[in-house]
Amino acid sequence: MPGGGIPHIFTGDLFRTNISRQTGLGKLAKVSMDAGDLVPDELTIAMAKDRMQQPDAENSFLLGGFPRNVSQAEALDELLKTEGSKLDAVLDLEVPGGEVIKRIAGRRICRSRPAHVDEVMWTRSRGGRWKSSNAACPMRSGRPQPVSRPGRTRTWRSRPAP
């Protein structure tokens, strides 16, 4: 496990794992993700809570991408209070919006290993068709899949930060 045995709990990994295992939460999250929407807070919180309560995270864990808003931060505070725990440190890393879109657009999930994320470069051929550097990369109608529904990033950034 990276980080000297400390489990890394990242929301993207939680979503992919729950979807690939076809859990109830994963099925609900997939509906939002397939629509290009943000996964609702209730689902994100439930997945994070479930993961933080697993035996390997009993003494320590590293959160990534959680909490992302006040609702999630309040849920984390409540969970920590219930467990008699506290945070040792918090880092807030700011990434410009254009960089976020570039990184997300370059990620695609390998069909044979859903938990594995590949970096993919998209180029247009002379005929105007899109080509992927990875054959496992999903395409629809000869075009790369959209990163998100229009305005999703704006919606996410408009929410109060924790």
Protein backbone atom coordinates (compact mmCIF):
# COMPACT_ATOMS: atom_id res chain seq x y z
CA MET A 1 0.00 0.00 0.00
CA PRO A 2 1.47 3.42 -0.91
CA GLY A 3 2.32 5.84 1.89
CA GLY A 4 3.84 3.36 4.33
CA GLY A 5 0.70 1.33 4.90
CA ILE A 6 -1.67 4.26 5.29
CA PRO A 7 -4.75 3.65 3.12
CA HIS A 8 -5.41 6.33 0.52
CA ILE A 9 -9.13 7.04 0.25
CA PHE A 10 -9.84 9.02 -2.91
CA THR A 11 -13.37 9.72 -4.09
CA GLY A 12 -12.64 8.76 -7.70
CA ASP A 13 -11.30 5.39 -6.54
CA LEU A 14 -14.34 4.92 -4.30
CA PHE A 15 -16.68 5.58 -7.22
CA ARG A 16 -14.81 3.26 -9.60
CA THR A 17 -14.53 0.46 -7.01
CA ASN A 18 -18.20 0.61 -6.03
CA ILE A 19 -19.27 0.71 -9.68
CA SER A 20 -17.03 -2.22 -10.68
CA ARG A 21 -18.28 -4.27 -7.69
CA GLN A 22 -21.85 -3.30 -8.59
CA THR A 23 -22.70 -2.25 -5.04
CA GLY A 24 -25.99 -0.47 -4.41
CA LEU A 25 -24.12 2.80 -3.92
CA GLY A 26 -22.06 2.15 -7.05
CA LYS A 27 -25.17 1.59 -9.17
CA LEU A 28 -26.66 4.89 -7.95
CA ALA A 29 -23.38 6.78 -8.51
CA LYS A 30 -23.09 5.35 -12.04
CA VAL A 31 -26.43 6.89 -13.00
CA SER A 32 -25.13 10.37 -12.05
CA MET A 33 -21.73 9.83 -13.63
CA ASP A 34 -23.18 8.49 -16.89
CA ALA A 35 -25.34 11.62 -17.08
CA GLY A 36 -22.23 13.79 -16.59
CA ASP A 37 -23.51 15.01 -13.22
CA LEU A 38 -21.74 15.24 -9.89
CA VAL A 39 -22.29 12.25 -7.62
CA PRO A 40 -24.75 13.40 -4.92
CA ASP A 41 -23.26 14.20 -1.53
CA GLU A 42 -25.28 11.48 0.21
CA LEU A 43 -23.68 8.79 -1.97
CA THR A 44 -20.17 10.24 -1.71
CA ILE A 45 -20.50 10.51 2.08
CA ALA A 46 -21.85 6.96 2.41
CA MET A 47 -18.99 5.52 0.31
CA ALA A 48 -16.35 7.51 2.22
CA LYS A 49 -17.85 6.54 5.59
CA ASP A 50 -17.95 2.86 4.62
CA ARG A 51 -14.31 2.95 3.49
CA MET A 52 -13.08 4.84 6.57
CA GLN A 53 -14.69 2.22 8.81
CA GLN A 54 -12.84 -0.72 7.24
CA PRO A 55 -10.19 -2.39 9.44
CA ASP A 56 -7.15 -1.13 7.50
CA ALA A 57 -8.29 2.48 8.06
CA GLU A 58 -8.92 2.02 11.79
CA ASN A 59 -5.86 4.00 12.93
CA SER A 60 -5.10 6.26 9.99
CA PHE A 61 -6.03 7.16 6.43
CA LEU A 62 -5.33 9.80 3.82
CA LEU A 63 -8.37 11.43 2.21
CA GLY A 64 -8.21 12.81 -1.33
CA GLY A 65 -11.09 14.73 -2.89
CA PHE A 66 -13.15 14.51 0.29
CA PRO A 67 -14.65 16.63 1.69
CA ARG A 68 -15.29 18.89 -1.31
CA ASN A 69 -18.05 21.03 0.16
CA VAL A 70 -19.64 22.09 3.44
CA SER A 71 -22.16 19.23 3.50
CA GLN A 72 -19.38 16.65 3.14
CA ALA A 73 -17.20 18.44 5.71
CA GLU A 74 -20.04 18.41 8.25
CA ALA A 75 -20.59 14.69 7.64
CA LEU A 76 -16.87 14.04 8.12
CA ASP A 77 -16.86 16.07 11.35
CA GLU A 78 -19.82 14.05 12.65
CA LEU A 79 -18.19 10.74 11.73
CA LEU A 80 -14.91 11.69 13.39
CA LYS A 81 -16.75 12.87 16.51
CA THR A 82 -18.73 9.61 16.67
CA GLU A 83 -15.51 7.59 16.30
CA GLY A 84 -13.66 9.73 18.86
CA SER A 85 -11.10 10.75 16.21
CA LYS A 86 -9.72 13.99 14.86
CA LEU A 87 -7.81 15.20 11.82
CA ASP A 88 -4.07 15.64 12.21
CA ALA A 89 -3.57 17.85 9.15
CA VAL A 90 -5.43 19.33 6.18
CA LEU A 91 -3.95 20.32 2.82
CA ASP A 92 -5.90 22.34 0.28
CA LEU A 93 -4.43 21.97 -3.19
CA GLU A 94 -5.76 24.40 -5.80
CA VAL A 95 -5.74 23.30 -9.44
CA PRO A 96 -6.85 25.69 -12.22
CA GLY A 97 -10.10 24.67 -13.95
CA GLY A 98 -8.48 24.24 -17.36
CA GLU A 99 -5.95 21.82 -15.90
CA VAL A 100 -8.73 19.82 -14.21
CA ILE A 101 -10.58 19.41 -17.52
CA LYS A 102 -7.34 18.48 -19.33
CA ARG A 103 -6.55 15.78 -16.75
CA ILE A 104 -10.07 14.37 -16.69
CA ALA A 105 -10.25 14.30 -20.49
CA GLY A 106 -6.98 12.36 -20.59
CA ARG A 107 -8.26 9.63 -18.25
CA ARG A 108 -10.21 6.67 -19.46
CA ILE A 109 -11.05 3.44 -17.70
CA CYS A 110 -9.75 0.18 -19.15
CA ARG A 111 -12.72 -2.04 -20.01
CA SER A 112 -11.01 -5.22 -18.80
CA ARG A 113 -9.84 -3.73 -15.46
CA PRO A 114 -12.35 -1.07 -14.31
CA ALA A 115 -10.22 0.04 -11.36
CA HIS A 116 -7.30 0.77 -13.71
CA VAL A 117 -7.15 4.27 -15.17
CA ASP A 118 -5.17 4.88 -18.35
CA GLU A 119 -3.79 8.15 -19.62
CA VAL A 120 -5.00 8.67 -23.16
CA MET A 121 -3.98 11.16 -25.82
CA TRP A 122 -6.65 12.14 -28.35
CA THR A 123 -5.75 13.36 -31.82
CA ARG A 124 -7.70 14.08 -35.00
CA SER A 125 -6.71 12.27 -38.15
CA ARG A 126 -6.58 14.02 -41.53
CA GLY A 127 -10.12 12.81 -42.21
CA GLY A 128 -11.33 14.58 -39.07
CA ARG A 129 -11.94 11.40 -37.05
CA TRP A 130 -10.72 11.08 -33.48
CA LYS A 131 -7.92 8.61 -32.71
CA SER A 132 -6.98 7.36 -29.27
CA SER A 133 -3.53 6.29 -28.11
CA ASN A 134 -5.25 3.45 -26.20
CA ALA A 135 -7.46 0.86 -27.91
CA ALA A 136 -9.34 0.21 -24.64
CA CYS A 137 -10.54 3.80 -24.53
CA PRO A 138 -14.32 4.13 -24.90
CA MET A 139 -15.72 6.14 -27.80
CA ARG A 140 -19.22 7.04 -28.88
CA SER A 141 -20.06 8.05 -32.43
CA GLY A 142 -16.38 8.28 -33.37
CA ARG A 143 -15.75 11.01 -30.77
CA PRO A 144 -14.23 10.96 -27.29
CA GLN A 145 -16.78 10.75 -24.48
CA PRO A 146 -17.60 14.11 -22.92
CA VAL A 147 -15.81 14.94 -19.69
CA SER A 148 -18.97 16.27 -18.12
CA ARG A 149 -22.33 17.83 -18.75
CA PRO A 150 -21.93 21.51 -19.74
CA GLY A 151 -21.73 23.67 -16.63
CA ARG A 152 -20.81 20.83 -14.26
CA THR A 153 -17.44 22.35 -13.35
CA ARG A 154 -19.10 25.74 -12.82
CA THR A 155 -21.70 24.07 -10.55
CA TRP A 156 -18.98 22.33 -8.53
CA ARG A 157 -16.92 25.52 -8.13
CA SER A 158 -19.99 27.54 -7.07
CA ARG A 159 -20.52 25.36 -3.99
CA PRO A 160 -19.05 26.67 -0.74
CA ALA A 161 -15.73 25.01 0.07
CA PRO A 162 -15.31 23.32 3.46
